[in-house]
Amino acid sequence: MRQAVALLTLKDIIIPLASGAIGVVGAVIGGWATAFFQRRHERKRRTENVLFGVYMMLMDLRGHHFWITSAEVRGQDSDPKIIQRFQDTRWRIADEMRKIDQLPEARDILRAMFSLTYESESRRADMLDQLVDALGEKVNSRYDEVMAEITRENQALMVKDTDEFFHRRKKIEPL
């Protein structure tokens, strides 16, 4: 009878200890998993935010570059203010891109902004257009589609009536 009491007592001690140990291990694994997935989600969110910022600045860069390309087509030197804005914007983009390393277009973006191998600024403009389109699909395809449509409309107005284009633009843009 004494042995039965001793076994019963040992059994009563081991089962709660084992259950408690399993609970602690489960809590540790659960905490680790939560932290892991939270960090992964935050990293993805940060990457998306940086990508969106790069996309918006690339659109801005493309706008500055439009004037550089226009001057080249007319056989004129570009306005130094426009060149400075292009310079400032491309360095802001490069700085922003340093925050993420999972951007497949990074090489092409850097080449489009800094390479001197383009035989004309029109070629660089084509590359910038392709990059904006590619990033636009990743970031927000509907926004990109509407902005591309607006850009085409604005360019058509400029070709049709340059004075009217600048008159309307002056109302809403600081340039």
Protein backbone atom coordinates (compact mmCIF):
# COMPACT_ATOMS: atom_id res chain seq x y z
CA MET A 1 0.00 0.00 0.00
CA ARG A 2 2.86 2.29 0.74
CA GLN A 3 4.27 1.65 -2.72
CA ALA A 4 0.93 2.46 -4.30
CA VAL A 5 0.84 5.78 -2.49
CA ALA A 6 4.43 6.53 -3.55
CA LEU A 7 3.70 5.69 -7.21
CA LEU A 8 0.56 7.72 -7.14
CA THR A 9 2.45 10.65 -5.74
CA LEU A 10 5.23 10.32 -8.35
CA LYS A 11 2.60 10.12 -11.09
CA ASP A 12 0.86 13.17 -9.68
CA ILE A 13 4.12 15.10 -9.82
CA ILE A 14 5.41 14.01 -13.27
CA ILE A 15 2.21 14.67 -15.25
CA PRO A 16 1.84 18.32 -14.16
CA LEU A 17 5.57 18.92 -14.65
CA ALA A 18 5.48 17.45 -18.16
CA SER A 19 2.35 19.43 -18.99
CA GLY A 20 3.96 22.61 -17.69
CA ALA A 21 7.14 21.97 -19.68
CA ILE A 22 5.13 21.37 -22.84
CA GLY A 23 3.23 24.60 -22.15
CA VAL A 24 6.43 26.59 -21.70
CA VAL A 25 7.96 25.14 -24.89
CA GLY A 26 4.73 25.91 -26.75
CA ALA A 27 4.72 29.48 -25.47
CA VAL A 28 8.36 29.98 -26.47
CA ILE A 29 7.74 28.57 -29.95
CA GLY A 30 4.57 30.66 -30.29
CA GLY A 31 6.39 33.82 -29.20
CA TRP A 32 9.24 33.15 -31.62
CA ALA A 33 6.81 32.49 -34.48
CA THR A 34 4.88 35.68 -33.73
CA ALA A 35 8.07 37.75 -33.65
CA PHE A 36 9.36 36.12 -36.84
CA PHE A 37 6.17 36.75 -38.82
CA GLN A 38 5.80 40.26 -37.42
CA ARG A 39 9.35 41.17 -38.49
CA ARG A 40 8.75 39.65 -41.91
CA HIS A 41 5.51 41.63 -42.29
CA GLU A 42 7.22 44.87 -41.17
CA ARG A 43 10.09 44.28 -43.61
CA LYS A 44 7.61 43.68 -46.45
CA ARG A 45 5.66 46.81 -45.51
CA ARG A 46 8.86 48.89 -45.35
CA THR A 47 9.92 47.54 -48.75
CA GLU A 48 6.51 48.43 -50.21
CA ASN A 49 6.74 51.96 -48.78
CA VAL A 50 10.25 52.46 -50.17
CA LEU A 51 9.17 51.06 -53.53
CA PHE A 52 6.25 53.47 -53.65
CA GLY A 53 8.57 56.36 -52.78
CA VAL A 54 11.01 55.34 -55.50
CA TYR A 55 8.14 55.07 -57.96
CA MET A 56 6.84 58.55 -57.15
CA MET A 57 10.31 60.10 -57.35
CA LEU A 58 10.96 58.26 -60.62
CA MET A 59 7.83 59.84 -62.05
CA ASP A 60 9.16 63.22 -60.89
CA LEU A 61 12.54 62.44 -62.43
CA ARG A 62 10.86 61.52 -65.70
CA GLY A 63 9.07 64.89 -65.66
CA HIS A 64 12.37 66.76 -65.21
CA HIS A 65 13.99 64.63 -67.86
CA PHE A 66 11.20 65.44 -70.32
CA TRP A 67 12.49 69.02 -70.43
CA ILE A 68 16.07 67.84 -70.90
CA THR A 69 14.96 65.63 -73.81
CA SER A 70 12.88 68.46 -75.29
CA ALA A 71 15.88 70.78 -75.25
CA GLU A 72 18.04 68.12 -76.91
CA VAL A 73 15.45 67.58 -79.66
CA ARG A 74 15.36 71.35 -80.29
CA GLY A 75 19.18 71.44 -80.36
CA GLN A 76 19.36 73.67 -77.28
CA ASP A 77 21.10 73.43 -73.94
CA SER A 78 18.88 72.42 -71.04
CA ASP A 79 17.87 74.94 -68.41
CA PRO A 80 20.38 74.63 -65.54
CA LYS A 81 17.50 74.69 -63.02
CA ILE A 82 15.96 71.63 -64.68
CA ILE A 83 19.31 69.85 -64.74
CA GLN A 84 19.74 70.60 -61.02
CA ARG A 85 16.26 69.24 -60.24
CA PHE A 86 17.10 66.12 -62.26
CA GLN A 87 20.35 65.78 -60.33
CA ASP A 88 18.71 66.26 -56.92
CA THR A 89 15.90 63.83 -57.70
CA ARG A 90 18.14 61.07 -58.99
CA TRP A 91 20.30 61.23 -55.85
CA ARG A 92 17.20 61.13 -53.64
CA ILE A 93 16.09 58.02 -55.53
CA ALA A 94 19.52 56.41 -55.14
CA ASP A 95 19.48 57.16 -51.39
CA GLU A 96 16.00 55.70 -51.02
CA MET A 97 16.96 52.57 -52.96
CA ARG A 98 19.74 51.85 -50.46
CA LYS A 99 17.03 51.04 -47.91
CA ILE A 100 15.96 47.90 -49.76
CA ASP A 101 17.90 45.29 -51.66
CA GLN A 102 15.10 43.17 -53.12
CA LEU A 103 14.35 45.45 -56.06
CA PRO A 104 14.99 43.59 -59.32
CA GLU A 105 14.82 46.85 -61.29
CA ALA A 106 17.54 48.51 -59.18
CA ARG A 107 20.28 47.96 -61.76
CA ASP A 108 18.16 49.39 -64.58
CA ILE A 109 17.03 52.36 -62.47
CA LEU A 110 20.61 53.25 -61.53
CA ARG A 111 21.76 52.89 -65.15
CA ALA A 112 18.90 55.06 -66.41
CA MET A 113 19.76 57.76 -63.89
CA PHE A 114 23.55 57.80 -64.04
CA SER A 115 24.90 56.02 -67.12
CA LEU A 116 26.47 58.12 -69.86
CA THR A 117 26.18 55.32 -72.42
CA TYR A 118 22.84 56.49 -73.81
CA GLU A 119 23.44 57.92 -77.28
CA SER A 120 20.58 60.36 -76.75
CA GLU A 121 18.39 61.59 -73.97
CA SER A 122 15.43 60.21 -75.90
CA ARG A 123 16.84 56.71 -75.30
CA ARG A 124 17.20 57.49 -71.59
CA ALA A 125 13.60 58.78 -71.62
CA ASP A 126 12.43 55.47 -73.14
CA MET A 127 14.17 53.57 -70.35
CA LEU A 128 12.67 55.83 -67.68
CA ASP A 129 9.22 55.26 -69.20
CA GLN A 130 9.72 51.49 -69.10
CA LEU A 131 10.87 51.63 -65.49
CA VAL A 132 7.96 53.79 -64.38
CA ASP A 133 5.56 51.39 -66.11
CA ALA A 134 7.20 48.32 -64.51
CA LEU A 135 7.18 49.83 -61.02
CA GLY A 136 3.68 51.18 -61.52
CA GLU A 137 2.38 47.66 -62.04
CA LYS A 138 4.00 46.58 -58.77
CA VAL A 139 2.96 49.61 -56.74
CA ASN A 140 -0.51 50.49 -57.92
CA SER A 141 -1.55 49.48 -61.40
CA ARG A 142 -4.75 51.58 -61.49
CA TYR A 143 -2.90 54.72 -60.39
CA ASP A 144 -0.19 54.10 -62.96
CA GLU A 145 -2.75 53.57 -65.70
CA VAL A 146 -4.52 56.86 -64.94
CA MET A 147 -1.25 58.80 -64.62
CA ALA A 148 -0.03 57.38 -67.95
CA GLU A 149 -3.28 58.50 -69.56
CA ILE A 150 -2.92 62.00 -68.08
CA THR A 151 0.69 62.20 -69.26
CA ARG A 152 -0.34 61.23 -72.81
CA GLU A 153 -3.10 63.86 -72.78
CA ASN A 154 -0.72 66.54 -71.51
CA GLN A 155 1.91 65.65 -74.10
CA ALA A 156 -0.71 65.75 -76.86
CA LEU A 157 -1.78 69.24 -75.70
CA MET A 158 1.83 70.39 -75.67
CA VAL A 159 2.38 69.18 -79.23
CA LYS A 160 -0.90 70.69 -80.40
CA ASP A 161 -0.67 74.06 -78.64
CA THR A 162 2.50 74.77 -76.64
CA ASP A 163 1.32 78.20 -75.46
CA GLU A 164 -1.94 76.79 -74.12
CA PHE A 165 -0.06 73.93 -72.45
CA PHE A 166 2.18 76.37 -70.57
CA HIS A 167 -0.73 78.68 -69.79
CA ARG A 168 -2.67 75.84 -68.13
CA ARG A 169 0.41 74.40 -66.46
CA LYS A 170 1.37 77.74 -64.95
CA LYS A 171 -1.95 77.80 -63.10
CA ILE A 172 -1.20 74.66 -61.09
CA GLU A 173 2.57 74.09 -61.16
CA PRO A 174 5.35 76.23 -59.73
CA LEU A 175 7.58 75.94 -62.80
